[in-house]
C-alpha atoms as a PDB file:
ATOM      1  CA  MET A   1       0.062  -0.287  -0.032  1.00  0.00           C
ATOM      2  CA  THR A   2       1.324   3.354  -0.666  1.00  0.00           C
ATOM      3  CA  ASP A   3       1.036   6.169   1.716  1.00  0.00           C
ATOM      4  CA  LEU A   4      -1.510   7.567  -0.234  1.00  0.00           C
ATOM      5  CA  LEU A   5      -4.233   5.258   1.093  1.00  0.00           C
ATOM      6  CA  TRP A   6      -2.504   5.176   4.846  1.00  0.00           C
ATOM      7  CA  PRO A   7      -1.915   8.512   5.766  1.00  0.00           C
ATOM      8  CA  GLY A   8       0.008   7.984   8.912  1.00  0.00           C
ATOM      9  CA  ASP A   9       0.911   4.322   8.730  1.00  0.00           C
ATOM     10  CA  GLU A  10       4.297   5.242   9.723  1.00  0.00           C
ATOM     11  CA  ARG A  11       3.546   6.330  13.382  1.00  0.00           C
ATOM     12  CA  ALA A  12       1.978   3.072  14.067  1.00  0.00           C
ATOM     13  CA  GLY A  13       4.778   0.867  13.356  1.00  0.00           C
ATOM     14  CA  ASP A  14       4.068  -2.625  13.779  1.00  0.00           C
ATOM     15  CA  LEU A  15       0.895  -2.405  15.711  1.00  0.00           C
ATOM     16  CA  LEU A  16      -1.212  -2.205  12.224  1.00  0.00           C
ATOM     17  CA  GLY A  17       0.982  -5.188  11.097  1.00  0.00           C
ATOM     18  CA  ASP A  18       0.071  -8.335   9.833  1.00  0.00           C
ATOM     19  CA  ALA A  19       0.998 -10.443  12.981  1.00  0.00           C
ATOM     20  CA  HIS A  20      -0.365  -7.407  15.345  1.00  0.00           C
ATOM     21  CA  VAL A  21      -4.072  -7.773  13.226  1.00  0.00           C
ATOM     22  CA  LEU A  22      -3.752 -11.297  13.828  1.00  0.00           C
ATOM     23  CA  ALA A  23      -3.440 -11.514  17.542  1.00  0.00           C
ATOM     24  CA  ALA A  24      -5.960  -9.345  18.007  1.00  0.00           C
ATOM     25  CA  THR A  25      -7.999 -11.486  16.351  1.00  0.00           C
ATOM     26  CA  VAL A  26      -7.737 -14.336  18.387  1.00  0.00           C
ATOM     27  CA  GLN A  27      -8.147 -12.485  21.393  1.00  0.00           C
ATOM     28  CA  ILE A  28     -11.905 -11.511  19.878  1.00  0.00           C
ATOM     29  CA  GLU A  29     -12.054 -15.146  19.137  1.00  0.00           C
ATOM     30  CA  GLN A  30     -11.266 -16.413  22.662  1.00  0.00           C
ATOM     31  CA  ALA A  31     -13.172 -13.658  24.284  1.00  0.00           C
ATOM     32  CA  TRP A  32     -16.118 -14.772  22.213  1.00  0.00           C
ATOM     33  CA  LEU A  33     -15.461 -18.573  23.675  1.00  0.00           C
ATOM     34  CA  ASP A  34     -15.194 -17.591  26.724  1.00  0.00           C
ATOM     35  CA  ALA A  35     -18.411 -15.889  26.764  1.00  0.00           C
ATOM     36  CA  LEU A  36     -20.249 -18.858  24.961  1.00  0.00           C
ATOM     37  CA  VAL A  37     -18.558 -20.787  27.924  1.00  0.00           C
ATOM     38  CA  ASP A  38     -20.122 -19.129  30.410  1.00  0.00           C
ATOM     39  CA  ALA A  39     -23.250 -19.073  28.737  1.00  0.00           C
ATOM     40  CA  GLY A  40     -22.980 -22.838  28.761  1.00  0.00           C
ATOM     41  CA  LEU A  41     -23.988 -22.739  24.691  1.00  0.00           C
ATOM     42  CA  ALA A  42     -20.000 -24.640  24.477  1.00  0.00           C
ATOM     43  CA  PRO A  43     -18.298 -27.683  26.548  1.00  0.00           C
ATOM     44  CA  LYS A  44     -15.390 -26.128  27.914  1.00  0.00           C
ATOM     45  CA  ALA A  45     -12.850 -23.625  27.450  1.00  0.00           C
ATOM     46  CA  LEU A  46     -10.001 -23.875  25.369  1.00  0.00           C
ATOM     47  CA  ASP A  47      -7.115 -21.733  25.200  1.00  0.00           C
ATOM     48  CA  LEU A  48      -6.502 -20.785  21.430  1.00  0.00           C
ATOM     49  CA  VAL A  49      -3.550 -18.585  21.812  1.00  0.00           C
ATOM     50  CA  GLY A  50      -0.554 -20.102  20.166  1.00  0.00           C
ATOM     51  CA  LEU A  51      -3.005 -21.892  18.042  1.00  0.00           C
ATOM     52  CA  VAL A  52      -1.656 -19.355  15.101  1.00  0.00           C
ATOM     53  CA  GLY A  53       0.930 -17.439  14.605  1.00  0.00           C
ATOM     54  CA  PRO A  54       3.212 -15.360  12.082  1.00  0.00           C
ATOM     55  CA  ASP A  55       3.755 -18.463  10.038  1.00  0.00           C
ATOM     56  CA  ASP A  56      -0.323 -18.847   9.237  1.00  0.00           C
ATOM     57  CA  LEU A  57      -0.432 -15.280   7.194  1.00  0.00           C
ATOM     58  CA  PRO A  58      -0.037 -16.147   3.906  1.00  0.00           C
ATOM     59  CA  GLU A  59      -2.415 -19.071   4.466  1.00  0.00           C
ATOM     60  CA  LEU A  60      -4.704 -17.003   6.194  1.00  0.00           C
ATOM     61  CA  ALA A  61      -4.372 -14.280   3.662  1.00  0.00           C
ATOM     62  CA  ALA A  62      -4.801 -16.221   0.558  1.00  0.00           C
ATOM     63  CA  GLY A  63      -7.782 -17.846   1.940  1.00  0.00           C
ATOM     64  CA  ALA A  64      -9.229 -14.569   3.187  1.00  0.00           C
ATOM     65  CA  GLU A  65      -9.790 -13.760  -0.920  1.00  0.00           C
ATOM     66  CA  ASP A  66     -12.552 -16.142  -1.070  1.00  0.00           C
ATOM     67  CA  GLY A  67     -14.517 -14.579   1.842  1.00  0.00           C
ATOM     68  CA  GLY A  68     -13.631 -11.122   1.994  1.00  0.00           C
ATOM     69  CA  THR A  69     -12.548 -11.896   5.550  1.00  0.00           C
ATOM     70  CA  PRO A  70      -9.439 -13.292   7.536  1.00  0.00           C
ATOM     71  CA  VAL A  71     -11.851 -14.384   9.936  1.00  0.00           C
ATOM     72  CA  ILE A  72     -13.277 -17.652   8.267  1.00  0.00           C
ATOM     73  CA  GLY A  73     -10.410 -18.740   7.444  1.00  0.00           C
ATOM     74  CA  LEU A  74      -8.599 -18.094  11.063  1.00  0.00           C
ATOM     75  CA  VAL A  75     -12.081 -19.893  12.831  1.00  0.00           C
ATOM     76  CA  ALA A  76     -11.448 -23.107  10.176  1.00  0.00           C
ATOM     77  CA  LEU A  77      -7.651 -22.796  11.326  1.00  0.00           C
ATOM     78  CA  LEU A  78      -8.626 -22.533  14.989  1.00  0.00           C
ATOM     79  CA  ARG A  79     -11.263 -25.138  14.809  1.00  0.00           C
ATOM     80  CA  ARG A  80      -8.573 -27.938  13.561  1.00  0.00           C
ATOM     81  CA  ARG A  81      -5.815 -27.159  15.633  1.00  0.00           C
ATOM     82  CA  ALA A  82      -8.098 -27.118  18.869  1.00  0.00           C
ATOM     83  CA  ALA A  83      -9.686 -30.485  17.967  1.00  0.00           C
ATOM     84  CA  PRO A  84      -8.607 -33.642  20.214  1.00  0.00           C
ATOM     85  CA  PRO A  85      -6.597 -35.428  18.442  1.00  0.00           C
ATOM     86  CA  ALA A  86      -8.314 -38.489  16.383  1.00  0.00           C
ATOM     87  CA  PRO A  87      -7.924 -41.770  18.634  1.00  0.00           C
ATOM     88  CA  ARG A  88      -5.019 -44.352  17.536  1.00  0.00           C
ATOM     89  CA  SER A  89      -5.777 -47.438  16.145  1.00  0.00           C
ATOM     90  CA  ARG A  90      -4.798 -50.353  19.041  1.00  0.00           C
ATOM     91  CA  THR A  91      -4.261 -52.701  16.103  1.00  0.00           C
ATOM     92  CA  PRO A  92      -0.686 -53.279  15.233  1.00  0.00           C
ATOM     93  CA  PRO A  93       1.044 -52.936  12.710  1.00  0.00           C
ATOM     94  CA  GLY A  94       1.052 -55.530   9.837  1.00  0.00           C
ATOM     95  CA  SER A  95      -2.522 -57.176  11.357  1.00  0.00           C
ATOM     96  CA  THR A  96      -5.091 -57.260  10.262  1.00  0.00           C
ATOM     97  CA  ARG A  97      -8.547 -56.765  11.732  1.00  0.00           C
ATOM     98  CA  VAL A  98     -11.720 -59.283  11.573  1.00  0.00           C
END
């Protein structure tokens, strides 16, 4: 972006950079989840902070084009990473199930 569309951006430093916007958005999603848990509408509280980070920015930015917002992809990514791991099979490798 040029300064023509972002006047004063140089004074904001990194505060309006993608990493800070992502962190703030995750905090908003955390507050929303906490409110749902408090209201009894979600089963348990999860800590969303740390599930996504700056390494996820390219994927989120690319996906934002479809929906016009990065929040859709962010929520999907948070859901995938917050989901409990699938149960492991108890069948030893090389065995067959009957």
